[in-house]
């Protein structure tokens, strides 16, 4: 396990000296891991104040129906309806679109709603066994894809964690 230490500013005779500012990182190897991407569809409606002026603070967003699906190691989930998309992700059935009655029920005085908008979002995580403990940590798309490819080949990974071991910065196939 490699640990890099953060060395912050030091006060020297009234001057501030900046030393090497490297974030603390930890890396370890594991063959027990799972690459996960949770995909979500959510209907949003933007409500604008009907004051005649376009100001950002005069807008609020309401969330309506939402549905999620977990992709694991790039394998098609049982409830997938579409996919894989251009990022190799499988998607669930769309949630029901809000009706005009649903939208009007959340309407405040002097507001006008915009058309419902379907928002797609993805949260990437890597579940790893670190020193006998299962941990699920956030990551980004590139790390997810590397782990998916490594898992398909049954290759172990070197996992590099971010500051305070709170996320996965990168992985290297071993």
Protein backbone atom coordinates (compact mmCIF):
# COMPACT_ATOMS: atom_id res chain seq x y z
CA UNK A 1 0.00 0.00 0.00
CA UNK A 2 1.44 3.37 -1.06
CA UNK A 3 0.44 6.52 0.78
CA UNK A 4 1.38 10.01 -0.41
CA UNK A 5 1.21 12.73 2.18
CA UNK A 6 -0.09 16.25 1.79
CA UNK A 7 2.39 18.90 2.77
CA UNK A 8 0.71 22.27 3.13
CA UNK A 9 2.01 25.83 3.42
CA UNK A 10 4.67 26.56 6.01
CA UNK A 11 5.38 29.93 7.60
CA UNK A 12 9.08 30.81 7.31
CA UNK A 13 10.23 34.18 8.71
CA UNK A 14 7.05 35.98 7.75
CA UNK A 15 6.92 34.40 4.27
CA UNK A 16 4.69 31.55 3.25
CA UNK A 17 6.52 28.68 1.58
CA UNK A 18 4.44 26.19 -0.37
CA UNK A 19 5.77 22.65 -0.40
CA UNK A 20 4.65 19.77 -2.60
CA UNK A 21 0.86 19.70 -2.57
CA UNK A 22 -0.01 16.14 -3.46
CA UNK A 23 -3.34 14.69 -2.37
CA UNK A 24 -3.23 11.67 -0.12
CA UNK A 25 -3.78 8.54 -2.19
CA UNK A 26 -3.85 4.86 -1.43
CA UNK A 27 -3.39 2.08 -3.90
CA UNK A 28 -3.86 -1.67 -3.55
CA UNK A 29 -4.49 -4.73 -5.72
CA UNK A 30 -7.65 -6.79 -5.75
CA UNK A 31 -9.34 -9.45 -7.84
CA UNK A 32 -12.59 -9.04 -5.86
CA UNK A 33 -14.36 -6.06 -7.41
CA UNK A 34 -17.54 -5.02 -9.20
CA UNK A 35 -18.03 -2.10 -11.60
CA UNK A 36 -21.46 -0.51 -11.18
CA UNK A 37 -23.37 2.15 -13.08
CA UNK A 38 -26.78 3.16 -11.76
CA UNK A 39 -28.77 4.76 -14.57
CA UNK A 40 -31.80 6.89 -13.78
CA UNK A 41 -34.62 8.48 -15.76
CA UNK A 42 -36.45 11.32 -13.96
CA UNK A 43 -39.23 13.58 -15.20
CA UNK A 44 -38.69 17.25 -14.25
CA UNK A 45 -40.95 20.23 -14.73
CA UNK A 46 -39.64 23.78 -14.51
CA UNK A 47 -42.04 26.31 -12.99
CA UNK A 48 -41.36 29.98 -13.79
CA UNK A 49 -42.76 33.03 -12.02
CA UNK A 50 -45.12 34.80 -14.39
CA UNK A 51 -43.69 38.24 -13.61
CA UNK A 52 -42.67 39.08 -17.15
CA UNK A 53 -38.96 39.05 -16.24
CA UNK A 54 -36.60 36.16 -16.82
CA UNK A 55 -34.64 35.79 -13.58
CA UNK A 56 -33.04 32.50 -12.46
CA UNK A 57 -34.33 32.88 -8.89
CA UNK A 58 -37.88 32.99 -10.24
CA UNK A 59 -37.63 29.36 -11.37
CA UNK A 60 -38.11 26.16 -9.43
CA UNK A 61 -37.86 22.57 -10.60
CA UNK A 62 -40.17 19.80 -9.43
CA UNK A 63 -39.21 16.14 -9.77
CA UNK A 64 -41.92 13.69 -10.77
CA UNK A 65 -41.67 9.96 -11.52
CA UNK A 66 -38.23 8.37 -11.53
CA UNK A 67 -36.87 4.90 -12.27
CA UNK A 68 -33.36 3.47 -11.86
CA UNK A 69 -31.51 0.37 -13.00
CA UNK A 70 -28.12 -0.94 -11.86
CA UNK A 71 -25.66 -2.11 -14.50
CA UNK A 72 -23.05 -4.44 -13.04
CA UNK A 73 -19.82 -5.36 -14.83
CA UNK A 74 -21.29 -4.44 -18.22
CA UNK A 75 -23.77 -7.35 -18.18
CA UNK A 76 -27.34 -6.70 -19.33
CA UNK A 77 -29.60 -6.38 -16.25
CA UNK A 78 -32.78 -8.45 -16.31
CA UNK A 79 -35.09 -5.39 -16.33
CA UNK A 80 -33.24 -3.59 -19.14
CA UNK A 81 -35.47 -2.36 -21.96
CA UNK A 82 -32.96 -0.50 -24.14
CA UNK A 83 -29.23 -0.63 -24.67
CA UNK A 84 -26.46 -0.91 -24.68
CA UNK A 85 -26.07 2.76 -25.53
CA UNK A 86 -22.92 4.52 -26.79
CA UNK A 87 -21.38 4.13 -23.31
CA UNK A 88 -22.27 0.44 -22.95
CA UNK A 89 -25.11 1.11 -20.50
CA UNK A 90 -28.51 -0.59 -20.33
CA UNK A 91 -31.61 1.46 -19.50
CA UNK A 92 -34.97 0.65 -17.84
CA UNK A 93 -38.46 1.34 -19.09
CA UNK A 94 -39.39 5.02 -18.97
CA UNK A 95 -41.30 6.19 -15.89
CA UNK A 96 -44.80 7.56 -16.54
CA UNK A 97 -44.77 11.10 -17.91
CA UNK A 98 -46.53 13.59 -15.61
CA UNK A 99 -50.03 14.45 -16.77
CA UNK A 100 -51.39 17.95 -17.03
CA UNK A 101 -53.30 17.27 -13.79
CA UNK A 102 -50.03 16.22 -12.04
CA UNK A 103 -48.30 19.38 -13.25
CA UNK A 104 -51.17 21.70 -12.30
CA UNK A 105 -51.42 20.11 -8.83
CA UNK A 106 -47.94 21.45 -8.03
CA UNK A 107 -48.49 24.87 -9.59
CA UNK A 108 -48.13 27.85 -7.25
CA UNK A 109 -49.82 31.22 -7.69
CA UNK A 110 -48.43 33.33 -10.55
CA UNK A 111 -46.42 30.48 -12.07
CA UNK A 112 -46.40 28.94 -15.51
CA UNK A 113 -45.02 25.45 -16.07
CA UNK A 114 -42.78 24.43 -18.94
CA UNK A 115 -43.16 21.12 -20.78
CA UNK A 116 -42.01 18.05 -18.84
CA UNK A 117 -38.38 17.12 -19.47
CA UNK A 118 -36.90 13.63 -19.16
CA UNK A 119 -33.51 13.77 -17.43
CA UNK A 120 -30.99 10.92 -17.77
CA UNK A 121 -28.32 10.55 -15.10
CA UNK A 122 -25.67 7.97 -14.22
CA UNK A 123 -23.81 7.32 -10.97
CA UNK A 124 -20.65 5.22 -11.29
CA UNK A 125 -19.23 3.20 -8.39
CA UNK A 126 -16.63 0.51 -7.86
CA UNK A 127 -17.16 -2.07 -5.12
CA UNK A 128 -13.82 -3.43 -3.94
CA UNK A 129 -12.51 -5.74 -1.28
CA UNK A 130 -9.91 -3.74 0.61
CA UNK A 131 -8.18 -5.64 3.41
CA UNK A 132 -11.17 -7.96 3.84
CA UNK A 133 -13.74 -5.16 3.88
CA UNK A 134 -16.24 -4.54 1.05
CA UNK A 135 -16.36 -0.86 0.09
CA UNK A 136 -18.46 0.87 -2.56
CA UNK A 137 -16.85 4.09 -3.71
CA UNK A 138 -17.86 6.69 -6.31
CA UNK A 139 -15.87 6.95 -9.49
CA UNK A 140 -16.19 8.25 -13.04
CA UNK A 141 -17.08 6.72 -16.40
CA UNK A 142 -13.49 6.02 -17.54
CA UNK A 143 -12.70 4.04 -14.38
CA UNK A 144 -15.99 2.13 -14.69
CA UNK A 145 -15.16 1.12 -18.29
CA UNK A 146 -11.64 -0.04 -17.40
CA UNK A 147 -13.03 -2.17 -14.56
CA UNK A 148 -15.75 -3.63 -16.84
CA UNK A 149 -13.14 -4.68 -19.41
CA UNK A 150 -10.85 -6.10 -16.72
CA UNK A 151 -13.74 -8.03 -15.15
CA UNK A 152 -14.63 -9.59 -18.52
CA UNK A 153 -11.04 -10.89 -18.74
CA UNK A 154 -11.01 -11.89 -15.04
CA UNK A 155 -8.00 -9.62 -14.49
CA UNK A 156 -7.09 -8.20 -11.09
CA UNK A 157 -6.94 -4.43 -10.65
CA UNK A 158 -4.62 -2.01 -8.97
CA UNK A 159 -7.05 0.48 -7.42
CA UNK A 160 -5.96 4.05 -6.72
CA UNK A 161 -8.12 5.85 -4.17
CA UNK A 162 -8.50 9.59 -3.79
CA UNK A 163 -8.12 11.81 -0.74
CA UNK A 164 -9.21 10.13 2.50
CA UNK A 165 -9.96 7.01 0.44
CA UNK A 166 -13.31 8.58 -0.50
CA UNK A 167 -13.37 7.75 -4.21
CA UNK A 168 -11.65 5.71 -6.90
CA UNK A 169 -9.39 7.95 -8.98
CA UNK A 170 -8.16 5.28 -11.38
CA UNK A 171 -7.52 1.60 -11.90
CA UNK A 172 -4.75 -0.27 -13.67
CA UNK A 173 -5.30 -3.74 -15.07
CA UNK A 174 -2.67 -6.16 -13.78
